[in-house]
Amino acid sequence: MIEKGISIKNYFTNSSQYKKNIITVRKFFKSLLREIKEKKIPQIDSYKKDYKLDFSKKTIKKFSKYKNIIVIGTGGSILGARSIYSFLKKKIKKKVFFFDNLDENLHFIYKNIKNKNNACYIIISKSGNTLETISNFSLILSNKLLNNKLIIITKNSNNALIEMAKKKNAEIIFHKDIISGRYSVLSEVGMFPAKLMGLNINNFKNLKTLIKNKKFIHSLIESVAAIYTLHSNKINNSVIFNYDTSLNNLGLWYQQLVSESLGKNGKGIHTTLAIGPRDQHSLLQLYVDGPKDKFFTFFNSSEKNNFKLSKKNLPTKYKFLGKKNINDIINSQCEAVKNIFRLKKIPFREITFYKKKESQLGAIFTFFVLETILLSRLMKVNPFNQPGVEEVKIKTKKILLK
């Protein structure tokens, strides 16, 4: 286990090329460790327990009384908080609503949220000028319910969100400019909403402990070497096959992390999300018998629920399902797919969560971030910029100004 409560098993590849890449990745990892210790990678400083967050106990106390939290953002500004909420929802007693895309129905969706009097609003944009966030914020800006209930998380600059915040006398939490959205989940962007959800935010941050954990390091090096080996052999399509709906948003967070960090200079890994067992009835045929240009990461958990099938309601041929837990059925379907993949030598790894606590989620955030940074060094790309995204933003603004 890479952390108590998380297991990663690698069935990607065992080729001679992979074994050579293991040696190379170990060297890169040692170099990365030195840089972390020497604080040369500020983009991941927030993964350490000693990272100083830009909000006070007073601010937390002021907004913790609200039972509803409404979060507006897009991309990395919101995916982390959304992953936290869905992963730990059973622990959270509040309702959290996320608006992360432009939608003409937003006004009506927002209007139908019950008990808005008992809600606070978190608006997140690192730049403070994100078009989608500004547009969605403007739809509710005139609402009198915002008074004394509004928090803006953005960088310290003369930006549009700061301008709007001052007009509404909003609380402002500053986002460090050096940390891009996809690496910001354990910074103010994810930790302030998590704190309001009643979670222990200190338990998410275990970077220094994890990089001393031999099992964590071993799994990390294995995964990076295997993915790079597959990438070198033109197998560049990564599919997250998720069999626990509470992990869907974690999959989407991972998708952005990999896509924006590695997709440069004609290189990259195309990451998509499939939902099991539903997508066994749409995509599985392609995965099993289609082109062998994909590798898979199975997400699952050992979590049990009380939803059992009754023999009385089952046809004769399906009486064997009687008293079966829904999770038992889901897990058997997941295991069947993995058995077929082994048989057909389709590369995959499985990540199983035996516990759902802050430390487990923090560990997998850390694992994937380090994995991505190591892959970027092997692929010789900058994992921290996003020139293609910025280019589209500029073009969009030009079109709207016509």
Protein backbone atom coordinates (compact mmCIF):
# COMPACT_ATOMS: atom_id res chain seq x y z
CA MET A 1 0.00 0.00 0.00
CA ILE A 2 1.34 3.48 -0.89
CA GLU A 3 -0.50 4.84 2.16
CA LYS A 4 -2.63 3.07 4.74
CA GLY A 5 -5.92 2.61 2.92
CA ILE A 6 -4.70 2.83 -0.72
CA SER A 7 -3.38 0.02 -2.90
CA ILE A 8 -1.78 0.40 -6.34
CA LYS A 9 -1.04 -2.71 -8.41
CA ASN A 10 0.73 -2.35 -11.73
CA TYR A 11 -0.05 -4.66 -14.66
CA PHE A 12 1.21 -2.22 -17.29
CA THR A 13 4.29 -3.96 -18.70
CA ASN A 14 7.35 -6.00 -17.75
CA SER A 15 9.43 -5.53 -20.89
CA SER A 16 13.19 -5.11 -21.00
CA GLN A 17 12.66 -1.48 -22.03
CA TYR A 18 10.53 -0.96 -18.91
CA LYS A 19 13.28 -2.43 -16.71
CA LYS A 20 15.83 -0.04 -18.22
CA ASN A 21 13.42 2.88 -17.69
CA ILE A 22 13.11 1.93 -14.00
CA ILE A 23 16.82 2.78 -13.59
CA THR A 24 16.38 6.10 -15.43
CA VAL A 25 13.30 7.08 -13.37
CA ARG A 26 15.16 6.35 -10.11
CA LYS A 27 17.80 8.90 -11.14
CA PHE A 28 15.15 11.48 -12.02
CA PHE A 29 13.38 10.82 -8.71
CA LYS A 30 16.58 11.41 -6.71
CA SER A 31 17.04 14.71 -8.54
CA LEU A 32 13.41 15.65 -7.84
CA LEU A 33 13.86 14.86 -4.15
CA ARG A 34 16.83 17.21 -3.94
CA GLU A 35 14.84 20.00 -5.58
CA ILE A 36 11.90 19.48 -3.20
CA LYS A 37 14.21 19.61 -0.17
CA GLU A 38 15.92 22.72 -1.53
CA LYS A 39 12.51 24.33 -2.23
CA LYS A 40 13.20 24.69 -5.95
CA ILE A 41 9.70 23.63 -7.00
CA PRO A 42 7.39 26.23 -5.42
CA GLN A 43 4.47 24.95 -7.50
CA ILE A 44 4.08 22.04 -5.06
CA ASP A 45 4.95 23.82 -1.80
CA SER A 46 1.28 23.63 -0.78
CA TYR A 47 1.62 19.83 -0.49
CA LYS A 48 3.75 20.35 2.64
CA LYS A 49 2.26 20.76 6.10
CA ASP A 50 4.23 23.96 6.74
CA TYR A 51 2.72 25.81 3.76
CA LYS A 52 1.09 28.99 5.07
CA LEU A 53 -2.46 29.42 3.77
CA ASP A 54 -3.81 32.94 3.19
CA PHE A 55 -6.87 32.74 5.40
CA SER A 56 -7.30 33.12 9.14
CA LYS A 57 -9.25 31.27 11.84
CA LYS A 58 -11.41 34.37 12.06
CA THR A 59 -12.39 34.07 8.38
CA ILE A 60 -13.15 30.36 8.80
CA LYS A 61 -15.32 31.07 11.84
CA LYS A 62 -17.19 33.81 9.99
CA PHE A 63 -18.21 31.54 7.10
CA SER A 64 -18.40 28.12 8.79
CA LYS A 65 -21.88 28.85 10.12
CA TYR A 66 -23.44 28.51 6.66
CA LYS A 67 -24.97 25.14 5.81
CA ASN A 68 -24.75 25.65 2.04
CA ILE A 69 -21.64 26.52 0.05
CA ILE A 70 -21.85 27.75 -3.55
CA VAL A 71 -18.58 27.57 -5.47
CA ILE A 72 -18.01 29.24 -8.86
CA GLY A 73 -14.88 28.59 -10.90
CA THR A 74 -13.61 26.49 -13.77
CA GLY A 75 -10.79 24.03 -14.49
CA GLY A 76 -8.15 23.71 -11.80
CA SER A 77 -9.81 26.41 -9.72
CA ILE A 78 -12.72 24.09 -8.90
CA LEU A 79 -11.88 20.49 -9.86
CA GLY A 80 -9.82 19.93 -6.71
CA ALA A 81 -12.53 21.14 -4.32
CA ARG A 82 -15.11 19.15 -6.25
CA SER A 83 -12.95 15.99 -5.95
CA ILE A 84 -12.64 16.54 -2.20
CA TYR A 85 -16.39 16.98 -1.77
CA SER A 86 -17.40 13.87 -3.72
CA PHE A 87 -14.64 11.69 -2.21
CA LEU A 88 -15.48 12.65 1.40
CA LYS A 89 -19.18 13.43 1.01
CA LYS A 90 -20.25 10.95 3.70
CA LYS A 91 -18.21 12.92 6.26
CA ILE A 92 -19.53 16.32 5.16
CA LYS A 93 -22.76 17.60 6.71
CA LYS A 94 -23.09 20.62 4.41
CA LYS A 95 -24.38 20.87 0.85
CA VAL A 96 -21.92 22.21 -1.69
CA PHE A 97 -22.97 23.37 -5.17
CA PHE A 98 -20.40 23.74 -7.94
CA PHE A 99 -20.82 25.92 -11.04
CA ASP A 100 -17.89 25.19 -13.32
CA ASN A 101 -19.11 25.78 -16.87
CA LEU A 102 -21.04 28.34 -18.87
CA ASP A 103 -24.65 27.22 -18.98
CA GLU A 104 -27.68 29.25 -20.00
CA ASN A 105 -29.66 27.31 -17.38
CA LEU A 106 -27.38 28.42 -14.53
CA HIS A 107 -29.78 31.17 -13.46
CA PHE A 108 -32.63 28.66 -13.07
CA ILE A 109 -30.43 26.05 -11.37
CA TYR A 110 -29.22 28.67 -8.92
CA LYS A 111 -32.75 29.95 -8.38
CA ASN A 112 -33.91 26.47 -7.33
CA ILE A 113 -31.25 25.97 -4.65
CA LYS A 114 -33.10 25.79 -1.36
CA ASN A 115 -32.21 27.88 1.66
CA LYS A 116 -29.93 30.38 -0.09
CA ASN A 117 -30.26 32.58 2.99
CA ASN A 118 -28.02 30.07 4.72
CA ALA A 119 -25.33 30.00 2.01
CA CYS A 120 -21.93 31.54 1.42
CA TYR A 121 -20.35 32.05 -1.99
CA ILE A 122 -16.78 31.24 -3.03
CA ILE A 123 -15.62 32.66 -6.38
CA ILE A 124 -12.27 31.27 -7.59
CA SER A 125 -9.98 32.38 -10.41
CA LYS A 126 -6.21 32.55 -10.11
CA SER A 127 -5.91 35.26 -12.76
CA GLY A 128 -9.07 37.01 -11.62
CA ASN A 129 -9.98 37.41 -15.27
CA THR A 130 -11.34 33.97 -16.23
CA LEU A 131 -14.13 34.61 -18.73
CA GLU A 132 -16.42 31.78 -17.60
CA THR A 133 -16.07 32.59 -13.90
CA ILE A 134 -16.67 36.32 -14.40
CA SER A 135 -19.74 35.57 -16.55
CA ASN A 136 -21.26 33.15 -14.03
CA PHE A 137 -20.46 35.48 -11.13
CA SER A 138 -22.19 38.35 -12.90
CA LEU A 139 -25.43 36.33 -13.07
CA ILE A 140 -25.74 36.34 -9.28
CA LEU A 141 -23.86 39.58 -8.55
CA SER A 142 -26.99 41.69 -8.10
CA ASN A 143 -28.36 39.26 -5.52
CA LYS A 144 -28.69 40.93 -2.13
CA LEU A 145 -28.00 37.55 -0.50
CA LEU A 146 -24.32 38.05 -1.35
CA ASN A 147 -23.88 40.76 1.27
CA ASN A 148 -21.27 39.63 3.86
CA LYS A 149 -21.35 36.10 2.43
CA LEU A 150 -18.90 36.43 -0.45
CA ILE A 151 -15.31 35.16 -0.66
CA ILE A 152 -13.02 35.79 -3.63
CA ILE A 153 -9.92 33.63 -4.15
CA THR A 154 -7.55 35.18 -6.69
CA LYS A 155 -3.99 36.45 -7.09
CA ASN A 156 -2.94 39.79 -5.66
CA SER A 157 -3.23 42.00 -8.74
CA ASN A 158 -5.43 44.60 -10.37
CA ASN A 159 -7.86 42.11 -11.90
CA ALA A 160 -11.58 41.95 -12.65
CA LEU A 161 -12.51 39.78 -9.66
CA ILE A 162 -10.76 42.13 -7.22
CA GLU A 163 -12.70 45.02 -8.77
CA MET A 164 -16.00 43.15 -8.33
CA ALA A 165 -15.05 42.06 -4.81
CA LYS A 166 -14.46 45.63 -3.67
CA LYS A 167 -17.88 46.68 -4.92
CA LYS A 168 -19.47 43.93 -2.82
CA ASN A 169 -17.15 44.38 0.17
CA ALA A 170 -16.17 40.71 -0.20
CA GLU A 171 -13.57 38.77 1.74
CA ILE A 172 -10.45 38.36 -0.44
CA ILE A 173 -8.09 35.38 -0.12
CA PHE A 174 -4.93 35.63 -2.20
CA HIS A 175 -3.80 32.80 -4.46
CA LYS A 176 -0.04 32.57 -5.05
CA ASP A 177 0.76 33.44 -8.66
CA ILE A 178 3.40 30.70 -9.01
CA ILE A 179 0.86 27.87 -8.41
CA SER A 180 -1.12 27.03 -11.54
CA GLY A 181 -4.69 25.76 -11.17
CA ARG A 182 -4.05 22.06 -11.73
CA TYR A 183 -1.46 22.04 -8.91
CA SER A 184 -3.53 24.18 -6.54
CA VAL A 185 -5.81 21.62 -4.85
CA LEU A 186 -3.89 21.74 -1.55
CA SER A 187 -3.52 25.52 -1.63
CA GLU A 188 -6.22 28.07 -0.72
CA VAL A 189 -8.26 26.96 -3.75
CA GLY A 190 -9.04 23.54 -2.32
CA MET A 191 -8.28 23.96 1.37
CA PHE A 192 -10.56 26.92 2.11
CA PRO A 193 -13.67 25.14 0.76
CA ALA A 194 -12.50 21.93 2.50
CA LYS A 195 -12.19 23.75 5.82
CA LEU A 196 -15.71 25.13 5.46
CA MET A 197 -16.87 21.57 4.74
CA GLY A 198 -15.61 20.67 8.22
CA LEU A 199 -12.60 18.63 7.08
CA ASN A 200 -9.16 18.41 8.68
CA ILE A 201 -7.07 20.16 6.04
CA ASN A 202 -3.77 19.37 7.74
CA ASN A 203 -4.33 15.65 7.06
CA PHE A 204 -4.27 16.19 3.28
CA LYS A 205 -0.65 17.37 3.36
CA ASN A 206 1.89 14.58 3.75
CA LEU A 207 4.47 15.25 1.03
CA LYS A 208 7.52 14.97 3.31
CA THR A 209 6.27 11.72 4.85
CA LEU A 210 5.25 10.15 1.56
CA ILE A 211 8.58 10.73 -0.18
CA LYS A 212 10.23 8.75 2.62
CA ASN A 213 7.73 5.88 2.30
CA LYS A 214 9.45 3.00 0.42
CA LYS A 215 6.17 1.52 -0.86
CA PHE A 216 5.00 4.92 -2.11
CA ILE A 217 8.33 5.51 -3.89
CA HIS A 218 8.39 2.01 -5.37
CA SER A 219 4.85 2.36 -6.80
CA LEU A 220 5.61 5.84 -8.10
CA ILE A 221 8.79 4.78 -9.92
CA GLU A 222 7.06 1.68 -11.34
CA SER A 223 4.12 3.73 -12.64
CA VAL A 224 6.27 6.44 -14.22
CA ALA A 225 8.60 3.90 -15.89
CA ALA A 226 5.66 1.88 -17.22
CA ILE A 227 3.71 4.87 -18.56
CA TYR A 228 6.84 6.28 -20.20
CA THR A 229 7.59 2.89 -21.77
CA LEU A 230 4.06 2.73 -23.19
CA HIS A 231 4.32 6.34 -24.40
CA SER A 232 7.63 5.54 -26.14
CA ASN A 233 5.81 2.73 -27.98
CA LYS A 234 3.06 5.10 -29.22
CA ILE A 235 0.53 3.93 -26.61
CA ASN A 236 -0.56 7.42 -25.58
CA ASN A 237 -4.23 6.98 -24.67
CA SER A 238 -4.82 6.76 -20.93
CA VAL A 239 -8.29 5.66 -19.78
CA ILE A 240 -9.44 6.06 -16.19
CA PHE A 241 -11.97 3.23 -15.77
CA ASN A 242 -13.83 4.20 -12.61
CA TYR A 243 -16.09 1.83 -10.68
CA ASP A 244 -16.99 4.19 -7.82
CA THR A 245 -18.99 7.31 -8.70
CA SER A 246 -17.54 9.20 -5.73
CA LEU A 247 -14.21 9.07 -7.60
CA ASN A 248 -15.50 10.58 -10.87
CA ASN A 249 -14.29 14.07 -10.01
CA LEU A 250 -10.88 12.73 -8.96
CA GLY A 251 -10.68 11.25 -12.46
CA LEU A 252 -11.54 14.60 -14.03
CA TRP A 253 -8.94 16.35 -11.85
CA TYR A 254 -6.32 13.80 -12.98
CA GLN A 255 -7.38 14.27 -16.60
CA GLN A 256 -6.67 18.00 -16.45
CA LEU A 257 -3.40 17.50 -14.57
CA VAL A 258 -2.00 15.13 -17.21
CA SER A 259 -3.44 16.87 -20.28
CA GLU A 260 -2.33 20.42 -19.46
CA SER A 261 1.01 19.40 -17.99
CA LEU A 262 2.22 17.01 -20.71
CA GLY A 263 0.40 18.07 -23.89
CA LYS A 264 3.12 20.16 -25.52
CA ASN A 265 5.53 20.17 -28.47
CA GLY A 266 3.63 17.40 -30.25
CA LYS A 267 3.87 15.18 -27.15
CA GLY A 268 1.35 14.22 -24.51
CA ILE A 269 -0.97 11.59 -23.09
CA HIS A 270 -4.65 11.69 -24.04
CA THR A 271 -6.55 10.98 -20.81
CA THR A 272 -10.27 10.12 -20.76
CA LEU A 273 -12.73 8.93 -18.13
CA ALA A 274 -14.97 5.87 -18.44
CA ILE A 275 -17.63 5.00 -15.86
CA GLY A 276 -18.11 1.37 -14.87
CA PRO A 277 -20.15 -0.69 -15.11
CA ARG A 278 -22.25 1.63 -17.33
CA ASP A 279 -19.60 2.04 -20.03
CA GLN A 280 -19.09 -1.70 -20.29
CA HIS A 281 -22.20 -1.46 -22.46
CA SER A 282 -20.80 1.22 -24.77
CA LEU A 283 -16.99 1.45 -24.73
CA LEU A 284 -15.78 -1.95 -23.53
CA GLN A 285 -16.02 -3.62 -26.94
CA LEU A 286 -13.58 -1.01 -28.29
CA TYR A 287 -11.28 -1.42 -25.30
CA VAL A 288 -11.15 -5.22 -25.58
CA ASP A 289 -11.06 -5.76 -29.35
CA GLY A 290 -10.18 -2.34 -30.78
CA PRO A 291 -6.74 -0.85 -31.50
CA LYS A 292 -4.13 -1.59 -28.82
CA ASP A 293 -3.23 2.08 -28.32
CA LYS A 294 -4.55 2.47 -24.75
CA PHE A 295 -3.56 1.79 -21.18
CA PHE A 296 -5.96 1.81 -18.24
CA THR A 297 -6.15 2.88 -14.61
CA PHE A 298 -8.98 1.24 -12.66
CA PHE A 299 -10.42 3.24 -9.77
CA ASN A 300 -12.41 1.33 -7.18
CA SER A 301 -13.10 1.17 -3.46
CA SER A 302 -13.95 -1.53 -0.96
CA GLU A 303 -16.71 0.61 0.48
CA LYS A 304 -19.89 -1.28 1.33
CA ASN A 305 -23.47 -0.04 1.30
CA ASN A 306 -26.78 -1.45 2.53
CA PHE A 307 -28.42 -1.81 -0.87
CA LYS A 308 -29.07 -5.54 -1.26
CA LEU A 309 -31.24 -7.28 -3.81
CA SER A 310 -34.20 -9.34 -2.66
CA LYS A 311 -34.78 -12.83 -4.06
CA LYS A 312 -38.51 -12.13 -4.08
CA ASN A 313 -38.08 -9.44 -6.74
CA LEU A 314 -35.73 -11.44 -8.99
CA PRO A 315 -36.62 -13.71 -11.92
CA THR A 316 -35.74 -17.40 -11.54
CA LYS A 317 -32.53 -17.22 -13.58
CA TYR A 318 -31.23 -14.41 -11.39
CA LYS A 319 -32.02 -15.76 -7.93
CA PHE A 320 -28.23 -16.02 -7.42
CA LEU A 321 -28.24 -12.24 -7.00
CA GLY A 322 -30.42 -12.51 -3.92
CA LYS A 323 -28.91 -10.80 -0.87
CA LYS A 324 -26.01 -9.56 -2.99
CA ASN A 325 -24.81 -6.07 -2.17
CA ILE A 326 -24.78 -3.60 -5.09
CA ASN A 327 -21.05 -3.11 -4.49
CA ASP A 328 -20.50 -6.88 -4.77
CA ILE A 329 -22.05 -6.82 -8.24
CA ILE A 330 -20.03 -3.76 -9.29
CA ASN A 331 -16.78 -5.25 -7.99
CA SER A 332 -17.41 -8.56 -9.77
CA GLN A 333 -17.92 -6.68 -13.06
CA CYS A 334 -14.71 -4.71 -12.50
CA GLU A 335 -12.79 -7.90 -11.70
CA ALA A 336 -14.16 -9.60 -14.82
CA VAL A 337 -12.90 -6.74 -17.02
CA LYS A 338 -9.45 -6.90 -15.40
CA ASN A 339 -9.33 -10.68 -15.95
CA ILE A 340 -10.05 -10.19 -19.65
CA PHE A 341 -7.40 -7.45 -19.85
CA ARG A 342 -4.83 -9.80 -18.29
CA LEU A 343 -5.78 -12.53 -20.74
CA LYS A 344 -5.46 -10.19 -23.73
CA LYS A 345 -2.34 -8.50 -22.31
CA ILE A 346 -3.96 -5.05 -22.25
CA PRO A 347 -1.83 -2.82 -19.95
CA PHE A 348 -3.51 -1.54 -16.78
CA ARG A 349 -3.05 -0.70 -13.13
CA GLU A 350 -5.62 -0.80 -10.34
CA ILE A 351 -5.98 1.78 -7.58
CA THR A 352 -8.22 0.67 -4.72
CA PHE A 353 -9.31 2.82 -1.79
CA TYR A 354 -9.94 0.83 1.39
CA LYS A 355 -10.50 3.99 3.40
CA LYS A 356 -11.86 7.40 2.46
CA LYS A 357 -10.21 9.98 4.64
CA GLU A 358 -8.34 13.22 4.04
CA SER A 359 -4.94 11.50 4.22
CA GLN A 360 -5.83 8.95 1.52
CA LEU A 361 -7.05 11.62 -0.89
CA GLY A 362 -4.04 13.82 -0.14
CA ALA A 363 -1.73 10.86 -0.82
CA ILE A 364 -3.23 10.15 -4.25
CA PHE A 365 -3.15 13.86 -5.16
CA THR A 366 0.55 13.85 -4.24
CA PHE A 367 1.23 10.60 -6.09
CA PHE A 368 -0.32 11.84 -9.35
CA VAL A 369 1.41 15.24 -9.15
CA LEU A 370 4.85 13.68 -8.66
CA GLU A 371 4.10 11.11 -11.37
CA THR A 372 3.23 13.90 -13.81
CA ILE A 373 6.30 15.99 -13.00
CA LEU A 374 8.59 12.97 -13.46
CA LEU A 375 6.91 12.11 -16.78
CA SER A 376 7.37 15.72 -17.94
CA ARG A 377 11.12 15.44 -17.35
CA LEU A 378 11.34 12.20 -19.28
CA MET A 379 9.30 13.75 -22.11
CA LYS A 380 11.26 17.02 -21.90
CA VAL A 381 8.28 19.36 -21.57
CA ASN A 382 7.47 22.11 -19.07
CA PRO A 383 4.74 20.73 -16.74
CA PHE A 384 3.80 24.13 -15.31
CA ASN A 385 2.79 26.23 -18.33
CA GLN A 386 -0.19 26.01 -20.72
CA PRO A 387 0.58 28.05 -23.84
CA GLY A 388 -2.18 26.46 -25.93
CA VAL A 389 -4.86 27.39 -23.39
CA GLU A 390 -3.59 30.96 -23.12
CA GLU A 391 -3.63 31.32 -26.91
CA VAL A 392 -7.31 30.32 -27.07
CA LYS A 393 -8.18 32.79 -24.27
CA ILE A 394 -6.61 35.64 -26.27
CA LYS A 395 -8.44 34.63 -29.46
CA THR A 396 -11.77 34.36 -27.62
CA LYS A 397 -11.46 37.86 -26.20
CA LYS A 398 -10.65 39.27 -29.65
CA ILE A 399 -13.78 37.66 -31.09
CA LEU A 400 -15.99 39.03 -28.28
CA LEU A 401 -14.54 42.54 -28.71
CA LYS A 402 -15.61 42.72 -32.39
